[in-house]
Amino acid sequence: MAINPNADFNELTNWLNENLLSKKSFVPHVDAIPNVKSKGIYFWFMQQDGYIAMSDFVSANPIEPKYSIAIEGVKYDLVYLGTAGTGKEGNSNLSKRFEWHINQKHIESNICHGTLSTLRSGLGALLSDDLMLENTEIKVNDFLKNYMKVFWIEYSDDKSLIENDEKVLIKGLKPLLNLKNNPNARANAQSNTTQDYKKRRIIVKNNTLNRIKCFGESELIMKNNKFPTEKKISYEEQILTEVNGCLEYFVFSEQDIALVTRGIEGLPSGKCKIDIWDSNNCDKVFKKWQRVTGKNTEGQNIYTYFSNTSSDNINKRSVVILQWMKDNNVKEITVRVSPIN
């Protein structure tokens, strides 16, 4: 039975109290990874001492209200949750997702192609200045071992149910390390640790990509290829929400909107409408041109839209948007892409 989409914090707390079972939990790098072939939702709990341990670069303070449980007299807070079996192929399971988060290596291919675990890359950004420094992987493993415990809830093979329940849980519980569907990740939310964490992730990712000279696709590739190639850099972590085919993501003023857009899967493949505004002020809207991808029936593909070229580079769409941000002192924009049927 699906969680009530309008459930408040107390209702979600009661639901978790009923469904989280100690026999369906383990400590990463201490206990063996459970062999759970089912799909479902997993929950990462952190000992409250972990806030101090992850505060070398960002002041990681708890965000109230928070969902907490006591395990053998020690308080743990829910800081992250995710799904298993809802990906594009739909063939994953809880065991595979545990393995991905717990044992994945911080190697160049995983960093460049954006396949490094979302949790590992996030913790890596909080614990280090670079995702591929020699000791970053060790620091993440030690943090998982010393401060975290994983619970899971198994589901039937119902992708829609799992995804909808995940959205409701993140929206209502606001786990500190979740960005997508988390109201606290919005730039116009009250100042909180999740916002600082969001910025820190991008800084460390950019530092790492630049150091290892992973520049992704060239401008010519982005302009001429309708869909991203295997060389693209993933920016999935910058998705804010996805509702009824409309997808929103954020772009910082230090980033190239064309590059970020190429790194987000699932954008409309045909004609679409684009809305862009200051993430801190939704009334400050970018209005430099009519933002529909192409005038013909099919329309220009979104993945090439911001990579258009101009002889002087001044009228290139990505450059125009960046200049608008500088002129209006906009540090972050929200981009909404909506399909036009």
C-alpha atoms as a PDB file:
ATOM      1  CA  MET A   1       0.000   0.000   0.000  1.00  0.00           C
ATOM      2  CA  ALA A   2       1.415   3.379  -1.036  1.00  0.00           C
ATOM      3  CA  ILE A   3       2.329   6.018   1.515  1.00  0.00           C
ATOM      4  CA  ASN A   4      -0.189   8.853   1.667  1.00  0.00           C
ATOM      5  CA  PRO A   5       1.301  11.461  -0.721  1.00  0.00           C
ATOM      6  CA  ASN A   6       0.209  14.201   1.685  1.00  0.00           C
ATOM      7  CA  ALA A   7       1.656  12.526   4.775  1.00  0.00           C
ATOM      8  CA  ASP A   8       3.261  14.924   7.233  1.00  0.00           C
ATOM      9  CA  PHE A   9       6.391  14.358   9.322  1.00  0.00           C
ATOM     10  CA  ASN A  10       4.533  12.609  12.132  1.00  0.00           C
ATOM     11  CA  GLU A  11       2.703  10.253   9.771  1.00  0.00           C
ATOM     12  CA  LEU A  12       5.961   9.335   8.031  1.00  0.00           C
ATOM     13  CA  THR A  13       7.634   8.785  11.392  1.00  0.00           C
ATOM     14  CA  ASN A  14       4.872   6.380  12.406  1.00  0.00           C
ATOM     15  CA  TRP A  15       5.138   4.564   9.072  1.00  0.00           C
ATOM     16  CA  LEU A  16       8.888   4.092   9.485  1.00  0.00           C
ATOM     17  CA  ASN A  17       8.502   2.960  13.093  1.00  0.00           C
ATOM     18  CA  GLU A  18       6.207   0.216  11.863  1.00  0.00           C
ATOM     19  CA  ASN A  19       8.270  -0.847   8.845  1.00  0.00           C
ATOM     20  CA  LEU A  20      11.936  -0.528   9.830  1.00  0.00           C
ATOM     21  CA  LEU A  21      13.077  -3.774  11.430  1.00  0.00           C
ATOM     22  CA  SER A  22      16.371  -4.381  13.228  1.00  0.00           C
ATOM     23  CA  LYS A  23      16.703  -7.773  11.486  1.00  0.00           C
ATOM     24  CA  LYS A  24      16.764  -5.892   8.183  1.00  0.00           C
ATOM     25  CA  SER A  25      19.764  -3.720   8.970  1.00  0.00           C
ATOM     26  CA  PHE A  26      23.560  -3.951   8.990  1.00  0.00           C
ATOM     27  CA  VAL A  27      26.742  -1.942   9.584  1.00  0.00           C
ATOM     28  CA  PRO A  28      28.782  -1.342   6.394  1.00  0.00           C
ATOM     29  CA  HIS A  29      32.360  -2.709   6.402  1.00  0.00           C
ATOM     30  CA  VAL A  30      31.568  -4.628   9.603  1.00  0.00           C
ATOM     31  CA  ASP A  31      28.703  -6.926   8.658  1.00  0.00           C
ATOM     32  CA  ALA A  32      28.467  -8.862   5.403  1.00  0.00           C
ATOM     33  CA  ILE A  33      26.307  -7.208   2.749  1.00  0.00           C
ATOM     34  CA  PRO A  34      22.901  -8.936   2.930  1.00  0.00           C
ATOM     35  CA  ASN A  35      21.905 -10.961  -0.106  1.00  0.00           C
ATOM     36  CA  VAL A  36      18.583  -9.194  -0.754  1.00  0.00           C
ATOM     37  CA  LYS A  37      17.400  -9.716  -4.327  1.00  0.00           C
ATOM     38  CA  SER A  38      14.223  -7.675  -3.870  1.00  0.00           C
ATOM     39  CA  LYS A  39      13.661  -4.103  -4.973  1.00  0.00           C
ATOM     40  CA  GLY A  40      12.943  -1.490  -2.366  1.00  0.00           C
ATOM     41  CA  ILE A  41      14.041   1.571  -0.417  1.00  0.00           C
ATOM     42  CA  TYR A  42      17.139   1.737   1.779  1.00  0.00           C
ATOM     43  CA  PHE A  43      17.806   4.122   4.659  1.00  0.00           C
ATOM     44  CA  TRP A  44      21.190   5.348   5.908  1.00  0.00           C
ATOM     45  CA  PHE A  45      21.295   6.318   9.574  1.00  0.00           C
ATOM     46  CA  MET A  46      24.225   8.188  11.112  1.00  0.00           C
ATOM     47  CA  GLN A  47      25.359   8.345  14.718  1.00  0.00           C
ATOM     48  CA  GLN A  48      24.967  11.899  15.958  1.00  0.00           C
ATOM     49  CA  ASP A  49      28.748  12.121  16.516  1.00  0.00           C
ATOM     50  CA  GLY A  50      29.005  11.968  12.729  1.00  0.00           C
ATOM     51  CA  TYR A  51      28.022  15.621  12.390  1.00  0.00           C
ATOM     52  CA  ILE A  52      31.317  16.665  13.951  1.00  0.00           C
ATOM     53  CA  ALA A  53      33.283  14.140  11.870  1.00  0.00           C
ATOM     54  CA  MET A  54      31.936  15.598   8.610  1.00  0.00           C
ATOM     55  CA  SER A  55      32.409  19.254   9.574  1.00  0.00           C
ATOM     56  CA  ASP A  56      36.000  19.920   8.489  1.00  0.00           C
ATOM     57  CA  PHE A  57      34.874  21.903   5.427  1.00  0.00           C
ATOM     58  CA  VAL A  58      31.166  22.567   6.065  1.00  0.00           C
ATOM     59  CA  SER A  59      29.470  23.109   9.413  1.00  0.00           C
ATOM     60  CA  ALA A  60      27.254  20.022   9.358  1.00  0.00           C
ATOM     61  CA  ASN A  61      24.510  20.780  11.838  1.00  0.00           C
ATOM     62  CA  PRO A  62      21.359  18.679  12.310  1.00  0.00           C
ATOM     63  CA  ILE A  63      18.223  20.019  10.623  1.00  0.00           C
ATOM     64  CA  GLU A  64      15.067  19.929  12.699  1.00  0.00           C
ATOM     65  CA  PRO A  65      12.803  18.100  12.685  1.00  0.00           C
ATOM     66  CA  LYS A  66      14.824  14.973  12.022  1.00  0.00           C
ATOM     67  CA  TYR A  67      13.879  11.308  12.176  1.00  0.00           C
ATOM     68  CA  SER A  68      15.965   9.535  14.817  1.00  0.00           C
ATOM     69  CA  ILE A  69      16.153   6.044  16.294  1.00  0.00           C
ATOM     70  CA  ALA A  70      18.040   4.558  19.227  1.00  0.00           C
ATOM     71  CA  ILE A  71      20.245   1.521  18.566  1.00  0.00           C
ATOM     72  CA  GLU A  72      21.758  -0.108  21.648  1.00  0.00           C
ATOM     73  CA  GLY A  73      21.496   3.173  23.522  1.00  0.00           C
ATOM     74  CA  VAL A  74      23.066   5.261  20.733  1.00  0.00           C
ATOM     75  CA  LYS A  75      21.046   7.878  18.830  1.00  0.00           C
ATOM     76  CA  TYR A  76      21.117   7.684  15.013  1.00  0.00           C
ATOM     77  CA  ASP A  77      19.622  10.223  12.574  1.00  0.00           C
ATOM     78  CA  LEU A  78      18.295   9.429   9.095  1.00  0.00           C
ATOM     79  CA  VAL A  79      20.588  11.321   6.687  1.00  0.00           C
ATOM     80  CA  TYR A  80      20.028   9.640   3.309  1.00  0.00           C
ATOM     81  CA  LEU A  81      17.623   7.301   1.539  1.00  0.00           C
ATOM     82  CA  GLY A  82      17.413   5.833  -1.949  1.00  0.00           C
ATOM     83  CA  THR A  83      15.784   3.203  -4.119  1.00  0.00           C
ATOM     84  CA  ALA A  84      16.848  -0.102  -5.638  1.00  0.00           C
ATOM     85  CA  GLY A  85      15.359  -1.443  -8.873  1.00  0.00           C
ATOM     86  CA  THR A  86      13.986   1.818 -10.260  1.00  0.00           C
ATOM     87  CA  GLY A  87      16.790   2.644 -12.691  1.00  0.00           C
ATOM     88  CA  LYS A  88      16.588   2.779 -16.458  1.00  0.00           C
ATOM     89  CA  GLU A  89      17.192  -0.947 -16.840  1.00  0.00           C
ATOM     90  CA  GLY A  90      15.142  -1.863 -13.774  1.00  0.00           C
ATOM     91  CA  ASN A  91      17.333  -4.881 -13.054  1.00  0.00           C
ATOM     92  CA  SER A  92      19.034  -3.730  -9.869  1.00  0.00           C
ATOM     93  CA  ASN A  93      18.159  -4.881  -6.350  1.00  0.00           C
ATOM     94  CA  LEU A  94      18.921  -3.928  -2.773  1.00  0.00           C
ATOM     95  CA  SER A  95      22.029  -6.087  -2.569  1.00  0.00           C
ATOM     96  CA  LYS A  96      23.537  -4.478  -5.674  1.00  0.00           C
ATOM     97  CA  ARG A  97      22.806  -0.973  -4.381  1.00  0.00           C
ATOM     98  CA  PHE A  98      24.429  -1.792  -1.037  1.00  0.00           C
ATOM     99  CA  GLU A  99      27.507  -3.040  -2.897  1.00  0.00           C
ATOM    100  CA  TRP A 100      27.583   0.125  -5.052  1.00  0.00           C
ATOM    101  CA  HIS A 101      27.517   2.479  -2.097  1.00  0.00           C
ATOM    102  CA  ILE A 102      29.813   0.491   0.170  1.00  0.00           C
ATOM    103  CA  ASN A 103      32.578  -0.978  -1.993  1.00  0.00           C
ATOM    104  CA  GLN A 104      32.846   1.173  -5.111  1.00  0.00           C
ATOM    105  CA  LYS A 105      36.324   2.445  -5.995  1.00  0.00           C
ATOM    106  CA  HIS A 106      37.183   6.135  -6.415  1.00  0.00           C
ATOM    107  CA  ILE A 107      38.831   5.672  -9.806  1.00  0.00           C
ATOM    108  CA  GLU A 108      39.059   8.084 -12.730  1.00  0.00           C
ATOM    109  CA  SER A 109      36.422   6.404 -14.901  1.00  0.00           C
ATOM    110  CA  ASN A 110      33.834   6.509 -12.100  1.00  0.00           C
ATOM    111  CA  ILE A 111      34.570  10.187 -11.423  1.00  0.00           C
ATOM    112  CA  CYS A 112      34.564  11.276 -15.075  1.00  0.00           C
ATOM    113  CA  HIS A 113      31.453   9.366 -16.091  1.00  0.00           C
ATOM    114  CA  GLY A 114      29.526  10.240 -12.935  1.00  0.00           C
ATOM    115  CA  THR A 115      28.998   6.622 -11.913  1.00  0.00           C
ATOM    116  CA  LEU A 116      30.540   7.033  -8.478  1.00  0.00           C
ATOM    117  CA  SER A 117      27.911   6.315  -5.831  1.00  0.00           C
ATOM    118  CA  THR A 118      25.889   9.423  -5.007  1.00  0.00           C
ATOM    119  CA  LEU A 119      26.401   8.791  -1.303  1.00  0.00           C
ATOM    120  CA  ARG A 120      30.141   8.159  -1.669  1.00  0.00           C
ATOM    121  CA  SER A 121      30.704  11.277  -3.770  1.00  0.00           C
ATOM    122  CA  GLY A 122      28.699  13.357  -1.306  1.00  0.00           C
ATOM    123  CA  LEU A 123      30.548  12.085   1.750  1.00  0.00           C
ATOM    124  CA  GLY A 124      33.831  12.389  -0.148  1.00  0.00           C
ATOM    125  CA  ALA A 125      33.133  16.089  -0.691  1.00  0.00           C
ATOM    126  CA  LEU A 126      32.503  16.562   3.033  1.00  0.00           C
ATOM    127  CA  LEU A 127      35.588  14.636   4.118  1.00  0.00           C
ATOM    128  CA  SER A 128      38.133  15.723   1.491  1.00  0.00           C
ATOM    129  CA  ASP A 129      39.040  18.410  -1.047  1.00  0.00           C
ATOM    130  CA  ASP A 130      39.266  15.905  -3.895  1.00  0.00           C
ATOM    131  CA  LEU A 131      37.298  12.735  -4.696  1.00  0.00           C
ATOM    132  CA  MET A 132      40.411  10.928  -5.935  1.00  0.00           C
ATOM    133  CA  LEU A 133      43.057  11.809  -3.392  1.00  0.00           C
ATOM    134  CA  GLU A 134      44.781   8.679  -2.149  1.00  0.00           C
ATOM    135  CA  ASN A 135      42.996   8.673   1.201  1.00  0.00           C
ATOM    136  CA  THR A 136      39.522   9.905   0.181  1.00  0.00           C
ATOM    137  CA  GLU A 137      38.172   6.414  -0.489  1.00  0.00           C
ATOM    138  CA  ILE A 138      39.569   5.242   2.856  1.00  0.00           C
ATOM    139  CA  LYS A 139      38.008   8.200   4.669  1.00  0.00           C
ATOM    140  CA  VAL A 140      34.591   7.417   3.191  1.00  0.00           C
ATOM    141  CA  ASN A 141      34.893   3.717   4.075  1.00  0.00           C
ATOM    142  CA  ASP A 142      35.932   4.543   7.639  1.00  0.00           C
ATOM    143  CA  PHE A 143      33.041   6.984   8.010  1.00  0.00           C
ATOM    144  CA  LEU A 144      30.537   4.369   6.816  1.00  0.00           C
ATOM    145  CA  LYS A 145      32.011   1.822   9.220  1.00  0.00           C
ATOM    146  CA  ASN A 146      32.271   4.057  12.272  1.00  0.00           C
ATOM    147  CA  TYR A 147      29.124   6.160  12.058  1.00  0.00           C
ATOM    148  CA  MET A 148      26.467   4.589   9.843  1.00  0.00           C
ATOM    149  CA  LYS A 149      23.936   1.789   9.777  1.00  0.00           C
ATOM    150  CA  VAL A 150      21.735   0.737   6.863  1.00  0.00           C
ATOM    151  CA  PHE A 151      18.103  -0.370   7.031  1.00  0.00           C
ATOM    152  CA  TRP A 152      15.927  -1.490   4.142  1.00  0.00           C
ATOM    153  CA  ILE A 153      12.298  -2.106   3.272  1.00  0.00           C
ATOM    154  CA  GLU A 154      11.502  -4.611   0.524  1.00  0.00           C
ATOM    155  CA  TYR A 155       8.877  -3.866  -2.129  1.00  0.00           C
ATOM    156  CA  SER A 156       7.138  -5.829  -4.840  1.00  0.00           C
ATOM    157  CA  ASP A 157       8.296  -5.252  -8.408  1.00  0.00           C
ATOM    158  CA  ASP A 158       6.459  -1.917  -8.741  1.00  0.00           C
ATOM    159  CA  LYS A 159       8.761   0.853  -9.926  1.00  0.00           C
ATOM    160  CA  SER A 160       6.112   3.563  -9.728  1.00  0.00           C
ATOM    161  CA  LEU A 161       5.199   2.688  -6.139  1.00  0.00           C
ATOM    162  CA  ILE A 162       8.829   2.683  -5.004  1.00  0.00           C
ATOM    163  CA  GLU A 163       9.600   6.005  -6.704  1.00  0.00           C
ATOM    164  CA  ASN A 164       6.479   7.695  -5.369  1.00  0.00           C
ATOM    165  CA  ASP A 165       7.130   6.514  -1.817  1.00  0.00           C
ATOM    166  CA  GLU A 166      10.731   7.727  -2.062  1.00  0.00           C
ATOM    167  CA  LYS A 167       9.562  11.200  -3.139  1.00  0.00           C
ATOM    168  CA  VAL A 168       7.071  11.411  -0.294  1.00  0.00           C
ATOM    169  CA  LEU A 169       9.664  10.285   2.256  1.00  0.00           C
ATOM    170  CA  ILE A 170      12.330  12.747   1.081  1.00  0.00           C
ATOM    171  CA  LYS A 171       9.884  15.637   0.821  1.00  0.00           C
ATOM    172  CA  GLY A 172       8.492  15.019   4.291  1.00  0.00           C
ATOM    173  CA  LEU A 173      11.594  13.894   6.203  1.00  0.00           C
ATOM    174  CA  LYS A 174      14.195  16.045   4.392  1.00  0.00           C
ATOM    175  CA  PRO A 175      17.248  13.805   4.998  1.00  0.00           C
ATOM    176  CA  LEU A 176      20.378  15.924   5.198  1.00  0.00           C
ATOM    177  CA  LEU A 177      22.281  14.277   2.301  1.00  0.00           C
ATOM    178  CA  ASN A 178      19.388  13.995  -0.180  1.00  0.00           C
ATOM    179  CA  LEU A 179      19.131  16.762  -2.801  1.00  0.00           C
ATOM    180  CA  LYS A 180      16.484  15.606  -5.293  1.00  0.00           C
ATOM    181  CA  ASN A 181      12.934  16.251  -4.031  1.00  0.00           C
ATOM    182  CA  ASN A 182      14.289  17.786  -0.813  1.00  0.00           C
ATOM    183  CA  PRO A 183      12.777  21.230  -0.058  1.00  0.00           C
ATOM    184  CA  ASN A 184      15.865  22.067   2.018  1.00  0.00           C
ATOM    185  CA  ALA A 185      18.023  21.801  -1.122  1.00  0.00           C
ATOM    186  CA  ARG A 186      16.216  24.732  -2.712  1.00  0.00           C
ATOM    187  CA  ALA A 187      18.289  27.917  -2.709  1.00  0.00           C
ATOM    188  CA  ASN A 188      15.351  29.964  -1.416  1.00  0.00           C
ATOM    189  CA  ALA A 189      14.821  27.694   1.609  1.00  0.00           C
ATOM    190  CA  GLN A 190      15.887  28.859   5.042  1.00  0.00           C
ATOM    191  CA  SER A 191      19.660  28.544   5.418  1.00  0.00           C
ATOM    192  CA  ASN A 192      20.565  24.959   6.347  1.00  0.00           C
ATOM    193  CA  THR A 193      23.289  22.322   6.134  1.00  0.00           C
ATOM    194  CA  THR A 194      21.840  20.644   3.024  1.00  0.00           C
ATOM    195  CA  GLN A 195      22.313  23.882   1.039  1.00  0.00           C
ATOM    196  CA  ASP A 196      25.944  24.146   2.165  1.00  0.00           C
ATOM    197  CA  TYR A 197      26.455  20.475   1.326  1.00  0.00           C
ATOM    198  CA  LYS A 198      24.972  21.034  -2.151  1.00  0.00           C
ATOM    199  CA  LYS A 199      27.505  23.775  -2.909  1.00  0.00           C
ATOM    200  CA  ARG A 200      30.379  21.807  -1.435  1.00  0.00           C
ATOM    201  CA  ARG A 201      29.634  18.798  -3.678  1.00  0.00           C
ATOM    202  CA  ILE A 202      29.941  20.909  -6.831  1.00  0.00           C
ATOM    203  CA  ILE A 203      33.164  22.604  -5.687  1.00  0.00           C
ATOM    204  CA  VAL A 204      34.910  19.323  -4.896  1.00  0.00           C
ATOM    205  CA  LYS A 205      33.618  17.637  -8.043  1.00  0.00           C
ATOM    206  CA  ASN A 206      34.914  20.504 -10.216  1.00  0.00           C
ATOM    207  CA  ASN A 207      38.259  20.480  -8.411  1.00  0.00           C
ATOM    208  CA  THR A 208      38.636  16.764  -9.056  1.00  0.00           C
ATOM    209  CA  LEU A 209      37.550  16.913 -12.712  1.00  0.00           C
ATOM    210  CA  ASN A 210      39.971  19.752 -13.423  1.00  0.00           C
ATOM    211  CA  ARG A 211      42.872  18.074 -11.644  1.00  0.00           C
ATOM    212  CA  ILE A 212      42.518  14.808 -13.540  1.00  0.00           C
ATOM    213  CA  LYS A 213      41.778  16.738 -16.746  1.00  0.00           C
ATOM    214  CA  CYS A 214      38.390  15.139 -17.318  1.00  0.00           C
ATOM    215  CA  PHE A 215      36.672  17.651 -19.572  1.00  0.00           C
ATOM    216  CA  GLY A 216      33.943  15.430 -21.012  1.00  0.00           C
ATOM    217  CA  GLU A 217      32.589  16.165 -24.460  1.00  0.00           C
ATOM    218  CA  SER A 218      34.041  18.869 -26.689  1.00  0.00           C
ATOM    219  CA  GLU A 219      31.884  21.797 -27.837  1.00  0.00           C
ATOM    220  CA  LEU A 220      31.737  20.278 -31.331  1.00  0.00           C
ATOM    221  CA  ILE A 221      30.449  16.964 -29.958  1.00  0.00           C
ATOM    222  CA  MET A 222      27.801  18.748 -27.869  1.00  0.00           C
ATOM    223  CA  LYS A 223      26.686  20.805 -30.840  1.00  0.00           C
ATOM    224  CA  ASN A 224      26.481  17.941 -33.348  1.00  0.00           C
ATOM    225  CA  ASN A 225      25.292  14.959 -31.285  1.00  0.00           C
ATOM    226  CA  LYS A 226      21.595  14.834 -30.514  1.00  0.00           C
ATOM    227  CA  PHE A 227      22.127  12.829 -27.355  1.00  0.00           C
ATOM    228  CA  PRO A 228      25.044  12.781 -24.882  1.00  0.00           C
ATOM    229  CA  THR A 229      27.869  10.382 -25.684  1.00  0.00           C
ATOM    230  CA  GLU A 230      29.702   8.085 -23.273  1.00  0.00           C
ATOM    231  CA  LYS A 231      32.291  10.872 -22.804  1.00  0.00           C
ATOM    232  CA  LYS A 232      29.783  13.160 -21.142  1.00  0.00           C
ATOM    233  CA  ILE A 233      30.176  14.115 -17.491  1.00  0.00           C
ATOM    234  CA  SER A 234      27.162  13.259 -15.362  1.00  0.00           C
ATOM    235  CA  TYR A 235      25.392  15.997 -13.406  1.00  0.00           C
ATOM    236  CA  GLU A 236      22.506  13.874 -12.133  1.00  0.00           C
ATOM    237  CA  GLU A 237      23.141  15.175  -8.627  1.00  0.00           C
ATOM    238  CA  GLN A 238      21.912  18.606  -9.744  1.00  0.00           C
ATOM    239  CA  ILE A 239      18.332  17.435 -10.383  1.00  0.00           C
ATOM    240  CA  LEU A 240      15.910  19.113  -8.005  1.00  0.00           C
ATOM    241  CA  THR A 241      12.673  17.385  -8.940  1.00  0.00           C
ATOM    242  CA  GLU A 242      10.876  15.492 -11.711  1.00  0.00           C
ATOM    243  CA  VAL A 243       7.091  15.666 -11.984  1.00  0.00           C
ATOM    244  CA  ASN A 244       4.867  14.597 -14.889  1.00  0.00           C
ATOM    245  CA  GLY A 245       7.705  14.701 -17.400  1.00  0.00           C
ATOM    246  CA  CYS A 246       8.895  18.151 -16.264  1.00  0.00           C
ATOM    247  CA  LEU A 247      12.398  18.122 -14.849  1.00  0.00           C
ATOM    248  CA  GLU A 248      14.072  20.867 -12.802  1.00  0.00           C
ATOM    249  CA  TYR A 249      17.795  21.181 -12.131  1.00  0.00           C
ATOM    250  CA  PHE A 250      20.127  23.854 -10.812  1.00  0.00           C
ATOM    251  CA  VAL A 251      23.186  25.483 -12.383  1.00  0.00           C
ATOM    252  CA  PHE A 252      25.723  27.606 -10.493  1.00  0.00           C
ATOM    253  CA  SER A 253      27.262  30.755 -12.007  1.00  0.00           C
ATOM    254  CA  GLU A 254      30.635  28.952 -12.129  1.00  0.00           C
ATOM    255  CA  GLN A 255      29.179  26.269 -14.403  1.00  0.00           C
ATOM    256  CA  ASP A 256      28.331  25.947 -18.105  1.00  0.00           C
ATOM    257  CA  ILE A 257      24.606  25.292 -18.576  1.00  0.00           C
ATOM    258  CA  ALA A 258      25.329  23.390 -21.800  1.00  0.00           C
ATOM    259  CA  LEU A 259      27.682  21.005 -19.996  1.00  0.00           C
ATOM    260  CA  VAL A 260      25.318  20.468 -17.050  1.00  0.00           C
ATOM    261  CA  THR A 261      22.351  19.846 -19.372  1.00  0.00           C
ATOM    262  CA  ARG A 262      24.301  17.238 -21.345  1.00  0.00           C
ATOM    263  CA  GLY A 263      24.978  15.431 -18.086  1.00  0.00           C
ATOM    264  CA  ILE A 264      21.335  14.917 -17.087  1.00  0.00           C
ATOM    265  CA  GLU A 265      19.480  11.886 -18.408  1.00  0.00           C
ATOM    266  CA  GLY A 266      15.779  11.773 -19.134  1.00  0.00           C
ATOM    267  CA  LEU A 267      15.236  15.249 -20.585  1.00  0.00           C
ATOM    268  CA  PRO A 268      12.567  15.479 -23.323  1.00  0.00           C
ATOM    269  CA  SER A 269      13.853  14.269 -26.690  1.00  0.00           C
ATOM    270  CA  GLY A 270      11.547  16.486 -28.755  1.00  0.00           C
ATOM    271  CA  LYS A 271      10.270  20.033 -28.656  1.00  0.00           C
ATOM    272  CA  CYS A 272      10.133  21.432 -25.144  1.00  0.00           C
ATOM    273  CA  LYS A 273       9.646  24.607 -23.142  1.00  0.00           C
ATOM    274  CA  ILE A 274      12.457  25.993 -21.011  1.00  0.00           C
ATOM    275  CA  ASP A 275      11.967  28.219 -17.971  1.00  0.00           C
ATOM    276  CA  ILE A 276      14.957  29.761 -16.198  1.00  0.00           C
ATOM    277  CA  TRP A 277      14.925  31.864 -13.044  1.00  0.00           C
ATOM    278  CA  ASP A 278      17.039  32.970 -10.111  1.00  0.00           C
ATOM    279  CA  SER A 279      16.883  30.108  -7.611  1.00  0.00           C
ATOM    280  CA  ASN A 280      16.779  32.620  -4.764  1.00  0.00           C
ATOM    281  CA  ASN A 281      14.056  34.762  -6.324  1.00  0.00           C
ATOM    282  CA  CYS A 282      11.515  33.108  -8.613  1.00  0.00           C
ATOM    283  CA  ASP A 283      10.336  36.561  -9.760  1.00  0.00           C
ATOM    284  CA  LYS A 284      13.725  37.234 -11.359  1.00  0.00           C
ATOM    285  CA  VAL A 285      13.181  35.391 -14.637  1.00  0.00           C
ATOM    286  CA  PHE A 286      15.489  35.076 -17.634  1.00  0.00           C
ATOM    287  CA  LYS A 287      13.602  36.576 -20.610  1.00  0.00           C
ATOM    288  CA  LYS A 288      16.254  37.120 -23.271  1.00  0.00           C
ATOM    289  CA  TRP A 289      14.451  34.993 -25.841  1.00  0.00           C
ATOM    290  CA  GLN A 290      11.366  32.842 -26.279  1.00  0.00           C
ATOM    291  CA  ARG A 291      12.529  29.650 -24.658  1.00  0.00           C
ATOM    292  CA  VAL A 292      11.050  26.912 -26.811  1.00  0.00           C
ATOM    293  CA  THR A 293      13.491  24.537 -28.471  1.00  0.00           C
ATOM    294  CA  GLY A 294      12.928  25.246 -32.129  1.00  0.00           C
ATOM    295  CA  LYS A 295      10.083  26.612 -34.248  1.00  0.00           C
ATOM    296  CA  ASN A 296       9.291  23.542 -36.302  1.00  0.00           C
ATOM    297  CA  THR A 297       7.100  20.663 -35.177  1.00  0.00           C
ATOM    298  CA  GLU A 298       9.919  18.442 -33.987  1.00  0.00           C
ATOM    299  CA  GLY A 299      11.955  21.200 -32.390  1.00  0.00           C
ATOM    300  CA  GLN A 300      15.637  21.316 -31.533  1.00  0.00           C
ATOM    301  CA  ASN A 301      16.832  18.693 -29.085  1.00  0.00           C
ATOM    302  CA  ILE A 302      17.440  20.076 -25.581  1.00  0.00           C
ATOM    303  CA  TYR A 303      20.850  18.415 -25.429  1.00  0.00           C
ATOM    304  CA  THR A 304      22.155  20.619 -28.256  1.00  0.00           C
ATOM    305  CA  TYR A 305      20.086  23.717 -27.489  1.00  0.00           C
ATOM    306  CA  PHE A 306      22.542  25.530 -25.216  1.00  0.00           C
ATOM    307  CA  SER A 307      25.546  24.490 -27.329  1.00  0.00           C
ATOM    308  CA  ASN A 308      24.633  26.590 -30.357  1.00  0.00           C
ATOM    309  CA  THR A 309      27.535  28.513 -31.863  1.00  0.00           C
ATOM    310  CA  SER A 310      27.949  32.093 -33.021  1.00  0.00           C
ATOM    311  CA  SER A 311      30.808  33.713 -34.917  1.00  0.00           C
ATOM    312  CA  ASP A 312      31.666  36.060 -32.044  1.00  0.00           C
ATOM    313  CA  ASN A 313      30.580  33.669 -29.258  1.00  0.00           C
ATOM    314  CA  ILE A 314      28.611  36.531 -27.676  1.00  0.00           C
ATOM    315  CA  ASN A 315      25.240  35.213 -28.836  1.00  0.00           C
ATOM    316  CA  LYS A 316      25.870  31.621 -27.849  1.00  0.00           C
ATOM    317  CA  ARG A 317      22.955  30.690 -25.570  1.00  0.00           C
ATOM    318  CA  SER A 318      25.097  29.400 -22.710  1.00  0.00           C
ATOM    319  CA  VAL A 319      27.172  32.609 -22.810  1.00  0.00           C
ATOM    320  CA  VAL A 320      24.066  34.822 -22.901  1.00  0.00           C
ATOM    321  CA  ILE A 321      22.675  33.089 -19.828  1.00  0.00           C
ATOM    322  CA  LEU A 322      25.972  33.351 -17.963  1.00  0.00           C
ATOM    323  CA  GLN A 323      26.196  37.070 -18.762  1.00  0.00           C
ATOM    324  CA  TRP A 324      22.623  37.589 -17.527  1.00  0.00           C
ATOM    325  CA  MET A 325      23.601  35.891 -14.272  1.00  0.00           C
ATOM    326  CA  LYS A 326      26.639  38.142 -13.862  1.00  0.00           C
ATOM    327  CA  ASP A 327      24.714  41.317 -14.733  1.00  0.00           C
ATOM    328  CA  ASN A 328      21.980  40.480 -12.211  1.00  0.00           C
ATOM    329  CA  ASN A 329      24.235  39.042  -9.485  1.00  0.00           C
ATOM    330  CA  VAL A 330      22.555  35.622  -9.780  1.00  0.00           C
ATOM    331  CA  LYS A 331      24.596  32.878  -8.132  1.00  0.00           C
ATOM    332  CA  GLU A 332      22.309  29.963  -9.036  1.00  0.00           C
ATOM    333  CA  ILE A 333      19.568  29.418 -11.574  1.00  0.00           C
ATOM    334  CA  THR A 334      16.823  26.824 -11.688  1.00  0.00           C
ATOM    335  CA  VAL A 335      16.098  25.351 -15.111  1.00  0.00           C
ATOM    336  CA  ARG A 336      12.737  23.694 -15.794  1.00  0.00           C
ATOM    337  CA  VAL A 337      12.389  21.641 -18.976  1.00  0.00           C
ATOM    338  CA  SER A 338       8.834  20.663 -19.944  1.00  0.00           C
ATOM    339  CA  PRO A 339       7.860  18.533 -22.951  1.00  0.00           C
ATOM    340  CA  ILE A 340       5.486  20.011 -25.531  1.00  0.00           C
ATOM    341  CA  ASN A 341       3.200  17.326 -26.881  1.00  0.00           C
END
